[in-house]
Amino acid sequence: MIYKICTRDQWQQAVAAGTSHGAAIDLKDGYIHFSAAHQVRETAARHFSGQTDLVLVAVDERVLGENLKWEVSRGGNRFPHLYDTLNVACVTSAVQLPLGEDGVHQFPDSVPV
């Protein structure tokens, strides 16, 4: 699984349209940013710190085909980048990503550490 963090509004718009082009940063960079399971907590802390009303979207990377590229990014690590729109039919789950009392996002148990 790979993961995309977005706002609830962005997710609702994607569901209504059936596809997502991603957030402003995705449009700017020309691909949709995803994180692997072992990267997504750091992504949340770096880019979404303190934000509420977030959704964690899970996608089985195998259904995205050749438009998904693993490329070197933050800290020299390879991250999944989708050079296409995301069809919401490819999403296996979309759950709220709440903040804990400590201000850290609380991930579901289904996301391995």
PDB file of N, CA and C in Angstrom:
ATOM      1  N   MET A   1       0.831  -1.189   0.000  1.00  0.00           N
ATOM      2  CA  MET A   1       0.000   0.000   0.000  1.00  0.00           C
ATOM      3  C   MET A   1       0.874   1.252   0.000  1.00  0.00           C
ATOM      4  N   ILE A   2       0.356   2.271  -0.690  1.00  0.00           N
ATOM      5  CA  ILE A   2       0.939   3.597  -0.614  1.00  0.00           C
ATOM      6  C   ILE A   2      -0.155   4.538  -0.128  1.00  0.00           C
ATOM      7  N   TYR A   3       0.246   5.702   0.382  1.00  0.00           N
ATOM      8  CA  TYR A   3      -0.692   6.572   1.072  1.00  0.00           C
ATOM      9  C   TYR A   3      -0.594   8.010   0.599  1.00  0.00           C
ATOM     10  N   LYS A   4      -1.745   8.655   0.569  1.00  0.00           N
ATOM     11  CA  LYS A   4      -1.866  10.071   0.244  1.00  0.00           C
ATOM     12  C   LYS A   4      -2.623  10.726   1.380  1.00  0.00           C
ATOM     13  N   ILE A   5      -2.094  11.830   1.879  1.00  0.00           N
ATOM     14  CA  ILE A   5      -2.782  12.617   2.890  1.00  0.00           C
ATOM     15  C   ILE A   5      -3.375  13.827   2.182  1.00  0.00           C
ATOM     16  N   CYS A   6      -4.649  14.064   2.434  1.00  0.00           N
ATOM     17  CA  CYS A   6      -5.310  15.227   1.835  1.00  0.00           C
ATOM     18  C   CYS A   6      -6.333  15.772   2.817  1.00  0.00           C
ATOM     19  N   THR A   7      -6.862  16.941   2.501  1.00  0.00           N
ATOM     20  CA  THR A   7      -7.913  17.495   3.349  1.00  0.00           C
ATOM     21  C   THR A   7      -9.228  16.784   3.048  1.00  0.00           C
ATOM     22  N   ARG A   8     -10.146  16.893   3.955  1.00  0.00           N
ATOM     23  CA  ARG A   8     -11.466  16.291   3.751  1.00  0.00           C
ATOM     24  C   ARG A   8     -12.131  16.901   2.512  1.00  0.00           C
ATOM     25  N   ASP A   9     -11.998  18.226   2.331  1.00  0.00           N
ATOM     26  CA  ASP A   9     -12.574  18.882   1.154  1.00  0.00           C
ATOM     27  C   ASP A   9     -11.979  18.338  -0.136  1.00  0.00           C
ATOM     28  N   GLN A  10     -10.651  18.172  -0.168  1.00  0.00           N
ATOM     29  CA  GLN A  10     -10.012  17.620  -1.369  1.00  0.00           C
ATOM     30  C   GLN A  10     -10.526  16.219  -1.663  1.00  0.00           C
ATOM     31  N   TRP A  11     -10.687  15.415  -0.609  1.00  0.00           N
ATOM     32  CA  TRP A  11     -11.161  14.051  -0.803  1.00  0.00           C
ATOM     33  C   TRP A  11     -12.611  14.045  -1.284  1.00  0.00           C
ATOM     34  N   GLN A  12     -13.447  14.872  -0.696  1.00  0.00           N
ATOM     35  CA  GLN A  12     -14.847  14.940  -1.120  1.00  0.00           C
ATOM     36  C   GLN A  12     -14.964  15.381  -2.581  1.00  0.00           C
ATOM     37  N   GLN A  13     -14.134  16.320  -2.984  1.00  0.00           N
ATOM     38  CA  GLN A  13     -14.128  16.753  -4.386  1.00  0.00           C
ATOM     39  C   GLN A  13     -13.697  15.615  -5.304  1.00  0.00           C
ATOM     40  N   ALA A  14     -12.692  14.844  -4.877  1.00  0.00           N
ATOM     41  CA  ALA A  14     -12.227  13.709  -5.677  1.00  0.00           C
ATOM     42  C   ALA A  14     -13.326  12.663  -5.820  1.00  0.00           C
ATOM     43  N   VAL A  15     -14.005  12.371  -4.737  1.00  0.00           N
ATOM     44  CA  VAL A  15     -15.087  11.385  -4.780  1.00  0.00           C
ATOM     45  C   VAL A  15     -16.185  11.859  -5.723  1.00  0.00           C
ATOM     46  N   ALA A  16     -16.545  13.128  -5.630  1.00  0.00           N
ATOM     47  CA  ALA A  16     -17.600  13.666  -6.483  1.00  0.00           C
ATOM     48  C   ALA A  16     -17.209  13.616  -7.960  1.00  0.00           C
ATOM     49  N   ALA A  17     -15.925  13.877  -8.249  1.00  0.00           N
ATOM     50  CA  ALA A  17     -15.449  13.888  -9.638  1.00  0.00           C
ATOM     51  C   ALA A  17     -15.074  12.496 -10.141  1.00  0.00           C
ATOM     52  N   GLY A  18     -14.773  11.598  -9.199  1.00  0.00           N
ATOM     53  CA  GLY A  18     -14.316  10.262  -9.578  1.00  0.00           C
ATOM     54  C   GLY A  18     -12.817  10.169  -9.778  1.00  0.00           C
ATOM     55  N   THR A  19     -12.143  11.314  -9.770  1.00  0.00           N
ATOM     56  CA  THR A  19     -10.687  11.362  -9.924  1.00  0.00           C
ATOM     57  C   THR A  19     -10.124  12.514  -9.108  1.00  0.00           C
ATOM     58  N   SER A  20      -8.824  12.458  -8.888  1.00  0.00           N
ATOM     59  CA  SER A  20      -8.122  13.540  -8.205  1.00  0.00           C
ATOM     60  C   SER A  20      -6.856  13.883  -8.975  1.00  0.00           C
ATOM     61  N   HIS A  21      -6.621  15.170  -9.099  1.00  0.00           N
ATOM     62  CA  HIS A  21      -5.369  15.661  -9.682  1.00  0.00           C
ATOM     63  C   HIS A  21      -4.376  16.009  -8.580  1.00  0.00           C
ATOM     64  N   GLY A  22      -4.803  15.843  -7.346  1.00  0.00           N
ATOM     65  CA  GLY A  22      -3.954  16.129  -6.206  1.00  0.00           C
ATOM     66  C   GLY A  22      -4.142  17.539  -5.670  1.00  0.00           C
ATOM     67  N   ALA A  23      -3.293  17.894  -4.731  1.00  0.00           N
ATOM     68  CA  ALA A  23      -3.315  19.211  -4.094  1.00  0.00           C
ATOM     69  C   ALA A  23      -2.483  20.191  -4.920  1.00  0.00           C
ATOM     70  N   ALA A  24      -2.433  21.417  -4.469  1.00  0.00           N
ATOM     71  CA  ALA A  24      -1.686  22.461  -5.185  1.00  0.00           C
ATOM     72  C   ALA A  24      -0.229  22.053  -5.403  1.00  0.00           C
ATOM     73  N   ILE A  25       0.411  21.460  -4.412  1.00  0.00           N
ATOM     74  CA  ILE A  25       1.812  21.045  -4.562  1.00  0.00           C
ATOM     75  C   ILE A  25       1.958  19.965  -5.630  1.00  0.00           C
ATOM     76  N   ASP A  26       0.970  19.081  -5.730  1.00  0.00           N
ATOM     77  CA  ASP A  26       0.998  18.038  -6.754  1.00  0.00           C
ATOM     78  C   ASP A  26       0.880  18.657  -8.145  1.00  0.00           C
ATOM     79  N   LEU A  27      -0.031  19.595  -8.291  1.00  0.00           N
ATOM     80  CA  LEU A  27      -0.203  20.270  -9.577  1.00  0.00           C
ATOM     81  C   LEU A  27       1.068  21.020  -9.961  1.00  0.00           C
ATOM     82  N   LYS A  28       1.683  21.674  -8.992  1.00  0.00           N
ATOM     83  CA  LYS A  28       2.928  22.420  -9.231  1.00  0.00           C
ATOM     84  C   LYS A  28       4.051  21.491  -9.677  1.00  0.00           C
ATOM     85  N   ASP A  29       4.166  20.341  -9.011  1.00  0.00           N
ATOM     86  CA  ASP A  29       5.275  19.417  -9.289  1.00  0.00           C
ATOM     87  C   ASP A  29       5.016  18.515 -10.493  1.00  0.00           C
ATOM     88  N   GLY A  30       3.772  18.397 -10.919  1.00  0.00           N
ATOM     89  CA  GLY A  30       3.450  17.597 -12.095  1.00  0.00           C
ATOM     90  C   GLY A  30       3.192  16.129 -11.813  1.00  0.00           C
ATOM     91  N   TYR A  31       3.014  15.779 -10.548  1.00  0.00           N
ATOM     92  CA  TYR A  31       2.691  14.406 -10.147  1.00  0.00           C
ATOM     93  C   TYR A  31       2.038  14.437  -8.777  1.00  0.00           C
ATOM     94  N   ILE A  32       1.334  13.369  -8.444  1.00  0.00           N
ATOM     95  CA  ILE A  32       0.706  13.256  -7.128  1.00  0.00           C
ATOM     96  C   ILE A  32       1.692  12.574  -6.177  1.00  0.00           C
ATOM     97  N   HIS A  33       1.964  13.260  -5.079  1.00  0.00           N
ATOM     98  CA  HIS A  33       2.880  12.751  -4.053  1.00  0.00           C
ATOM     99  C   HIS A  33       2.188  11.684  -3.217  1.00  0.00           C
ATOM    100  N   PHE A  34       2.838  10.563  -3.042  1.00  0.00           N
ATOM    101  CA  PHE A  34       2.399   9.506  -2.141  1.00  0.00           C
ATOM    102  C   PHE A  34       3.545   9.185  -1.196  1.00  0.00           C
ATOM    103  N   SER A  35       3.257   8.428  -0.166  1.00  0.00           N
ATOM    104  CA  SER A  35       4.267   7.923   0.761  1.00  0.00           C
ATOM    105  C   SER A  35       4.049   6.438   0.959  1.00  0.00           C
ATOM    106  N   ALA A  36       5.139   5.721   1.158  1.00  0.00           N
ATOM    107  CA  ALA A  36       5.054   4.320   1.569  1.00  0.00           C
ATOM    108  C   ALA A  36       4.667   4.287   3.044  1.00  0.00           C
ATOM    109  N   ALA A  37       4.272   3.139   3.516  1.00  0.00           N
ATOM    110  CA  ALA A  37       3.833   3.001   4.908  1.00  0.00           C
ATOM    111  C   ALA A  37       4.900   3.498   5.883  1.00  0.00           C
ATOM    112  N   HIS A  38       6.155   3.171   5.625  1.00  0.00           N
ATOM    113  CA  HIS A  38       7.214   3.566   6.554  1.00  0.00           C
ATOM    114  C   HIS A  38       7.575   5.050   6.440  1.00  0.00           C
ATOM    115  N   GLN A  39       6.993   5.768   5.487  1.00  0.00           N
ATOM    116  CA  GLN A  39       7.284   7.187   5.280  1.00  0.00           C
ATOM    117  C   GLN A  39       6.136   8.102   5.690  1.00  0.00           C
ATOM    118  N   VAL A  40       4.922   7.571   5.753  1.00  0.00           N
ATOM    119  CA  VAL A  40       3.742   8.431   5.846  1.00  0.00           C
ATOM    120  C   VAL A  40       3.647   9.186   7.178  1.00  0.00           C
ATOM    121  N   ARG A  41       4.131   8.639   8.251  1.00  0.00           N
ATOM    122  CA  ARG A  41       4.089   9.359   9.527  1.00  0.00           C
ATOM    123  C   ARG A  41       4.996  10.583   9.479  1.00  0.00           C
ATOM    124  N   GLU A  42       6.178  10.438   8.909  1.00  0.00           N
ATOM    125  CA  GLU A  42       7.076  11.584   8.775  1.00  0.00           C
ATOM    126  C   GLU A  42       6.480  12.623   7.821  1.00  0.00           C
ATOM    127  N   THR A  43       5.836  12.172   6.760  1.00  0.00           N
ATOM    128  CA  THR A  43       5.173  13.093   5.844  1.00  0.00           C
ATOM    129  C   THR A  43       4.118  13.908   6.591  1.00  0.00           C
ATOM    130  N   ALA A  44       3.330  13.240   7.412  1.00  0.00           N
ATOM    131  CA  ALA A  44       2.301  13.940   8.192  1.00  0.00           C
ATOM    132  C   ALA A  44       2.937  14.967   9.120  1.00  0.00           C
ATOM    133  N   ALA A  45       3.998  14.581   9.805  1.00  0.00           N
ATOM    134  CA  ALA A  45       4.651  15.482  10.748  1.00  0.00           C
ATOM    135  C   ALA A  45       5.287  16.685  10.041  1.00  0.00           C
ATOM    136  N   ARG A  46       5.900  16.462   8.897  1.00  0.00           N
ATOM    137  CA  ARG A  46       6.593  17.541   8.175  1.00  0.00           C
ATOM    138  C   ARG A  46       5.659  18.481   7.443  1.00  0.00           C
ATOM    139  N   HIS A  47       4.655  17.934   6.802  1.00  0.00           N
ATOM    140  CA  HIS A  47       3.843  18.727   5.884  1.00  0.00           C
ATOM    141  C   HIS A  47       2.428  19.025   6.371  1.00  0.00           C
ATOM    142  N   PHE A  48       1.979  18.337   7.430  1.00  0.00           N
ATOM    143  CA  PHE A  48       0.609  18.502   7.893  1.00  0.00           C
ATOM    144  C   PHE A  48       0.537  18.697   9.409  1.00  0.00           C
ATOM    145  N   SER A  49       1.621  19.096  10.019  1.00  0.00           N
ATOM    146  CA  SER A  49       1.693  19.240  11.468  1.00  0.00           C
ATOM    147  C   SER A  49       0.574  20.133  12.001  1.00  0.00           C
ATOM    148  N   GLY A  50      -0.156  19.609  12.972  1.00  0.00           N
ATOM    149  CA  GLY A  50      -1.211  20.366  13.619  1.00  0.00           C
ATOM    150  C   GLY A  50      -2.498  20.499  12.827  1.00  0.00           C
ATOM    151  N   GLN A  51      -2.526  20.011  11.612  1.00  0.00           N
ATOM    152  CA  GLN A  51      -3.728  20.145  10.786  1.00  0.00           C
ATOM    153  C   GLN A  51      -4.775  19.103  11.165  1.00  0.00           C
ATOM    154  N   THR A  52      -5.984  19.562  11.234  1.00  0.00           N
ATOM    155  CA  THR A  52      -7.108  18.674  11.483  1.00  0.00           C
ATOM    156  C   THR A  52      -7.870  18.512  10.176  1.00  0.00           C
ATOM    157  N   ASP A  53      -8.889  17.705  10.204  1.00  0.00           N
ATOM    158  CA  ASP A  53      -9.749  17.505   9.034  1.00  0.00           C
ATOM    159  C   ASP A  53      -8.996  16.882   7.858  1.00  0.00           C
ATOM    160  N   LEU A  54      -8.081  15.969   8.167  1.00  0.00           N
ATOM    161  CA  LEU A  54      -7.311  15.280   7.128  1.00  0.00           C
ATOM    162  C   LEU A  54      -7.866  13.883   6.887  1.00  0.00           C
ATOM    163  N   VAL A  55      -7.602  13.395   5.686  1.00  0.00           N
ATOM    164  CA  VAL A  55      -7.993  12.048   5.295  1.00  0.00           C
ATOM    165  C   VAL A  55      -6.746  11.307   4.838  1.00  0.00           C
ATOM    166  N   LEU A  56      -6.618  10.073   5.269  1.00  0.00           N
ATOM    167  CA  LEU A  56      -5.538   9.193   4.831  1.00  0.00           C
ATOM    168  C   LEU A  56      -6.118   8.241   3.794  1.00  0.00           C
ATOM    169  N   VAL A  57      -5.607   8.353   2.578  1.00  0.00           N
ATOM    170  CA  VAL A  57      -6.087   7.553   1.453  1.00  0.00           C
ATOM    171  C   VAL A  57      -5.077   6.447   1.181  1.00  0.00           C
ATOM    172  N   ALA A  58      -5.534   5.218   1.116  1.00  0.00           N
ATOM    173  CA  ALA A  58      -4.664   4.071   0.840  1.00  0.00           C
ATOM    174  C   ALA A  58      -4.960   3.532  -0.551  1.00  0.00           C
ATOM    175  N   VAL A  59      -3.887   3.213  -1.278  1.00  0.00           N
ATOM    176  CA  VAL A  59      -4.006   2.693  -2.639  1.00  0.00           C
ATOM    177  C   VAL A  59      -3.040   1.521  -2.791  1.00  0.00           C
ATOM    178  N   ASP A  60      -3.516   0.459  -3.388  1.00  0.00           N
ATOM    179  CA  ASP A  60      -2.640  -0.659  -3.741  1.00  0.00           C
ATOM    180  C   ASP A  60      -1.833  -0.212  -4.953  1.00  0.00           C
ATOM    181  N   GLU A  61      -0.556  -0.040  -4.765  1.00  0.00           N
ATOM    182  CA  GLU A  61       0.291   0.523  -5.823  1.00  0.00           C
ATOM    183  C   GLU A  61       0.243  -0.293  -7.112  1.00  0.00           C
ATOM    184  N   ARG A  62      -0.050  -1.568  -7.030  1.00  0.00           N
ATOM    185  CA  ARG A  62      -0.050  -2.423  -8.225  1.00  0.00           C
ATOM    186  C   ARG A  62      -1.120  -2.030  -9.239  1.00  0.00           C
ATOM    187  N   VAL A  63      -2.194  -1.369  -8.787  1.00  0.00           N
ATOM    188  CA  VAL A  63      -3.266  -1.003  -9.716  1.00  0.00           C
ATOM    189  C   VAL A  63      -2.985   0.296 -10.461  1.00  0.00           C
ATOM    190  N   LEU A  64      -1.917   0.991 -10.095  1.00  0.00           N
ATOM    191  CA  LEU A  64      -1.634   2.285 -10.713  1.00  0.00           C
ATOM    192  C   LEU A  64      -0.812   2.174 -11.986  1.00  0.00           C
ATOM    193  N   GLY A  65      -0.203   1.028 -12.202  1.00  0.00           N
ATOM    194  CA  GLY A  65       0.487   0.798 -13.469  1.00  0.00           C
ATOM    195  C   GLY A  65       1.779   1.579 -13.634  1.00  0.00           C
ATOM    196  N   GLU A  66       2.131   1.780 -14.880  1.00  0.00           N
ATOM    197  CA  GLU A  66       3.441   2.345 -15.217  1.00  0.00           C
ATOM    198  C   GLU A  66       3.557   3.840 -14.943  1.00  0.00           C
ATOM    199  N   ASN A  67       2.449   4.516 -14.636  1.00  0.00           N
ATOM    200  CA  ASN A  67       2.517   5.942 -14.328  1.00  0.00           C
ATOM    201  C   ASN A  67       2.940   6.213 -12.888  1.00  0.00           C
ATOM    202  N   LEU A  68       3.114   5.152 -12.091  1.00  0.00           N
ATOM    203  CA  LEU A  68       3.638   5.285 -10.737  1.00  0.00           C
ATOM    204  C   LEU A  68       5.140   5.065 -10.801  1.00  0.00           C
ATOM    205  N   LYS A  69       5.886   6.066 -10.367  1.00  0.00           N
ATOM    206  CA  LYS A  69       7.352   5.999 -10.375  1.00  0.00           C
ATOM    207  C   LYS A  69       7.865   6.175  -8.952  1.00  0.00           C
ATOM    208  N   TRP A  70       8.845   5.369  -8.595  1.00  0.00           N
ATOM    209  CA  TRP A  70       9.518   5.525  -7.309  1.00  0.00           C
ATOM    210  C   TRP A  70      10.766   6.356  -7.564  1.00  0.00           C
ATOM    211  N   GLU A  71      10.789   7.562  -6.990  1.00  0.00           N
ATOM    212  CA  GLU A  71      11.865   8.511  -7.285  1.00  0.00           C
ATOM    213  C   GLU A  71      12.501   9.033  -6.005  1.00  0.00           C
ATOM    214  N   VAL A  72      13.768   9.359  -6.120  1.00  0.00           N
ATOM    215  CA  VAL A  72      14.512   9.887  -4.979  1.00  0.00           C
ATOM    216  C   VAL A  72      13.955  11.253  -4.608  1.00  0.00           C
ATOM    217  N   SER A  73      13.727  11.426  -3.320  1.00  0.00           N
ATOM    218  CA  SER A  73      13.169  12.679  -2.814  1.00  0.00           C
ATOM    219  C   SER A  73      13.787  12.954  -1.445  1.00  0.00           C
ATOM    220  N   ARG A  74      12.956  13.304  -0.475  1.00  0.00           N
ATOM    221  CA  ARG A  74      13.398  13.708   0.851  1.00  0.00           C
ATOM    222  C   ARG A  74      14.428  12.754   1.448  1.00  0.00           C
ATOM    223  N   GLY A  75      15.558  13.298   1.827  1.00  0.00           N
ATOM    224  CA  GLY A  75      16.594  12.517   2.492  1.00  0.00           C
ATOM    225  C   GLY A  75      17.195  11.415   1.642  1.00  0.00           C
ATOM    226  N   GLY A  76      17.062  11.513   0.337  1.00  0.00           N
ATOM    227  CA  GLY A  76      17.609  10.484  -0.548  1.00  0.00           C
ATOM    228  C   GLY A  76      16.747   9.236  -0.631  1.00  0.00           C
ATOM    229  N   ASN A  77      15.596   9.247   0.011  1.00  0.00           N
ATOM    230  CA  ASN A  77      14.686   8.096  -0.022  1.00  0.00           C
ATOM    231  C   ASN A  77      13.836   8.130  -1.285  1.00  0.00           C
ATOM    232  N   ARG A  78      13.435   6.959  -1.724  1.00  0.00           N
ATOM    233  CA  ARG A  78      12.575   6.838  -2.902  1.00  0.00           C
ATOM    234  C   ARG A  78      11.113   6.898  -2.464  1.00  0.00           C
ATOM    235  N   PHE A  79      10.360   7.794  -3.104  1.00  0.00           N
ATOM    236  CA  PHE A  79       8.943   7.990  -2.810  1.00  0.00           C
ATOM    237  C   PHE A  79       8.122   7.679  -4.050  1.00  0.00           C
ATOM    238  N   PRO A  80       6.893   7.203  -3.864  1.00  0.00           N
ATOM    239  CA  PRO A  80       6.015   6.944  -4.999  1.00  0.00           C
ATOM    240  C   PRO A  80       5.378   8.246  -5.505  1.00  0.00           C
ATOM    241  N   HIS A  81       5.494   8.460  -6.814  1.00  0.00           N
ATOM    242  CA  HIS A  81       4.920   9.629  -7.476  1.00  0.00           C
ATOM    243  C   HIS A  81       4.046   9.145  -8.620  1.00  0.00           C
ATOM    244  N   LEU A  82       2.817   9.606  -8.657  1.00  0.00           N
ATOM    245  CA  LEU A  82       1.884   9.204  -9.706  1.00  0.00           C
ATOM    246  C   LEU A  82       1.800  10.294 -10.767  1.00  0.00           C
ATOM    247  N   TYR A  83       2.250   9.982 -11.965  1.00  0.00           N
ATOM    248  CA  TYR A  83       2.201  10.903 -13.094  1.00  0.00           C
ATOM    249  C   TYR A  83       0.907  10.674 -13.875  1.00  0.00           C
ATOM    250  N   ASP A  84      -0.186  10.893 -13.192  1.00  0.00           N
ATOM    251  CA  ASP A  84      -1.513  10.666 -13.760  1.00  0.00           C
ATOM    252  C   ASP A  84      -2.513  11.163 -12.732  1.00  0.00           C
ATOM    253  N   THR A  85      -3.767  11.198 -13.094  1.00  0.00           N
ATOM    254  CA  THR A  85      -4.795  11.465 -12.105  1.00  0.00           C
ATOM    255  C   THR A  85      -5.030  10.177 -11.320  1.00  0.00           C
ATOM    256  N   LEU A  86      -5.556  10.339 -10.125  1.00  0.00           N
ATOM    257  CA  LEU A  86      -5.890   9.183  -9.295  1.00  0.00           C
ATOM    258  C   LEU A  86      -7.364   8.887  -9.457  1.00  0.00           C
ATOM    259  N   ASN A  87      -7.675   7.724  -9.977  1.00  0.00           N
ATOM    260  CA  ASN A  87      -9.055   7.273 -10.080  1.00  0.00           C
ATOM    261  C   ASN A  87      -9.467   6.786  -8.695  1.00  0.00           C
ATOM    262  N   VAL A  88     -10.535   7.350  -8.142  1.00  0.00           N
ATOM    263  CA  VAL A  88     -10.935   6.977  -6.785  1.00  0.00           C
ATOM    264  C   VAL A  88     -11.330   5.503  -6.676  1.00  0.00           C
ATOM    265  N   ALA A  89     -11.626   4.860  -7.790  1.00  0.00           N
ATOM    266  CA  ALA A  89     -11.927   3.426  -7.770  1.00  0.00           C
ATOM    267  C   ALA A  89     -10.704   2.611  -7.363  1.00  0.00           C
ATOM    268  N   CYS A  90      -9.515   3.200  -7.468  1.00  0.00           N
ATOM    269  CA  CYS A  90      -8.276   2.512  -7.084  1.00  0.00           C
ATOM    270  C   CYS A  90      -8.023   2.575  -5.577  1.00  0.00           C
ATOM    271  N   VAL A  91      -8.774   3.389  -4.875  1.00  0.00           N
ATOM    272  CA  VAL A  91      -8.563   3.599  -3.440  1.00  0.00           C
ATOM    273  C   VAL A  91      -9.166   2.439  -2.659  1.00  0.00           C
ATOM    274  N   THR A  92      -8.360   1.844  -1.777  1.00  0.00           N
ATOM    275  CA  THR A  92      -8.841   0.730  -0.971  1.00  0.00           C
ATOM    276  C   THR A  92      -9.466   1.198   0.342  1.00  0.00           C
ATOM    277  N   SER A  93      -9.027   2.353   0.836  1.00  0.00           N
ATOM    278  CA  SER A  93      -9.645   2.929   2.031  1.00  0.00           C
ATOM    279  C   SER A  93      -9.319   4.411   2.107  1.00  0.00           C
ATOM    280  N   ALA A  94     -10.203   5.127   2.773  1.00  0.00           N
ATOM    281  CA  ALA A  94     -10.011   6.554   3.046  1.00  0.00           C
ATOM    282  C   ALA A  94     -10.580   6.795   4.440  1.00  0.00           C
ATOM    283  N   VAL A  95      -9.711   7.119   5.384  1.00  0.00           N
ATOM    284  CA  VAL A  95     -10.132   7.283   6.776  1.00  0.00           C
ATOM    285  C   VAL A  95      -9.640   8.615   7.317  1.00  0.00           C
ATOM    286  N   GLN A  96     -10.362   9.118   8.298  1.00  0.00           N
ATOM    287  CA  GLN A  96      -9.926  10.346   8.957  1.00  0.00           C
ATOM    288  C   GLN A  96      -8.583  10.119   9.623  1.00  0.00           C
ATOM    289  N   LEU A  97      -7.791  11.191   9.673  1.00  0.00           N
ATOM    290  CA  LEU A  97      -6.479  11.146  10.303  1.00  0.00           C
ATOM    291  C   LEU A  97      -6.482  12.166  11.446  1.00  0.00           C
ATOM    292  N   PRO A  98      -7.005  11.759  12.598  1.00  0.00           N
ATOM    293  CA  PRO A  98      -7.169  12.712  13.702  1.00  0.00           C
ATOM    294  C   PRO A  98      -5.851  13.025  14.404  1.00  0.00           C
ATOM    295  N   LEU A  99      -5.877  14.141  15.109  1.00  0.00           N
ATOM    296  CA  LEU A  99      -4.751  14.501  15.970  1.00  0.00           C
ATOM    297  C   LEU A  99      -4.984  13.914  17.358  1.00  0.00           C
ATOM    298  N   GLY A 100      -3.933  13.388  17.941  1.00  0.00           N
ATOM    299  CA  GLY A 100      -4.012  12.930  19.319  1.00  0.00           C
ATOM    300  C   GLY A 100      -3.866  14.111  20.265  1.00  0.00           C
ATOM    301  N   GLU A 101      -4.038  13.865  21.533  1.00  0.00           N
ATOM    302  CA  GLU A 101      -3.890  14.921  22.535  1.00  0.00           C
ATOM    303  C   GLU A 101      -2.500  15.522  22.515  1.00  0.00           C
ATOM    304  N   ASP A 102      -1.523  14.744  22.049  1.00  0.00           N
ATOM    305  CA  ASP A 102      -0.135  15.220  21.970  1.00  0.00           C
ATOM    306  C   ASP A 102       0.141  16.015  20.699  1.00  0.00           C
ATOM    307  N   GLY A 103      -0.882  16.188  19.845  1.00  0.00           N
ATOM    308  CA  GLY A 103      -0.709  16.946  18.612  1.00  0.00           C
ATOM    309  C   GLY A 103      -0.142  16.144  17.457  1.00  0.00           C
ATOM    310  N   VAL A 104       0.034  14.842  17.660  1.00  0.00           N
ATOM    311  CA  VAL A 104       0.564  13.961  16.627  1.00  0.00           C
ATOM    312  C   VAL A 104      -0.604  13.224  15.978  1.00  0.00           C
ATOM    313  N   HIS A 105      -0.554  13.094  14.664  1.00  0.00           N
ATOM    314  CA  HIS A 105      -1.622  12.384  13.958  1.00  0.00           C
ATOM    315  C   HIS A 105      -1.662  10.916  14.377  1.00  0.00           C
ATOM    316  N   GLN A 106      -2.880  10.419  14.538  1.00  0.00           N
ATOM    317  CA  GLN A 106      -3.111   9.048  14.987  1.00  0.00           C
ATOM    318  C   GLN A 106      -3.462   8.183  13.785  1.00  0.00           C
ATOM    319  N   PHE A 107      -2.551   7.308  13.412  1.00  0.00           N
ATOM    320  CA  PHE A 107      -2.735   6.440  12.248  1.00  0.00           C
ATOM    321  C   PHE A 107      -3.463   5.169  12.632  1.00  0.00           C
ATOM    322  N   PRO A 108      -4.263   4.652  11.713  1.00  0.00           N
ATOM    323  CA  PRO A 108      -4.947   3.381  11.999  1.00  0.00           C
ATOM    324  C   PRO A 108      -3.936   2.233  12.125  1.00  0.00           C
ATOM    325  N   ASP A 109      -4.331   1.217  12.866  1.00  0.00           N
ATOM    326  CA  ASP A 109      -3.455   0.052  13.060  1.00  0.00           C
ATOM    327  C   ASP A 109      -3.116  -0.648  11.731  1.00  0.00           C
ATOM    328  N   SER A 110      -3.925  -0.425  10.714  1.00  0.00           N
ATOM    329  CA  SER A 110      -3.684  -1.076   9.432  1.00  0.00           C
ATOM    330  C   SER A 110      -2.469  -0.519   8.697  1.00  0.00           C
ATOM    331  N   VAL A 111      -1.939   0.615   9.150  1.00  0.00           N
ATOM    332  CA  VAL A 111      -0.755   1.199   8.529  1.00  0.00           C
ATOM    333  C   VAL A 111       0.462   0.729   9.316  1.00  0.00           C
ATOM    334  N   PRO A 112       1.264  -0.155   8.729  1.00  0.00           N
ATOM    335  CA  PRO A 112       2.423  -0.671   9.451  1.00  0.00           C
ATOM    336  C   PRO A 112       3.446   0.427   9.731  1.00  0.00           C
ATOM    337  N   VAL A 113       4.142   0.281  10.815  1.00  0.00           N
ATOM    338  CA  VAL A 113       5.185   1.255  11.191  1.00  0.00           C
ATOM    339  C   VAL A 113       6.440   0.986  10.380  1.00  0.00           C
TER     340      VAL A 113
END
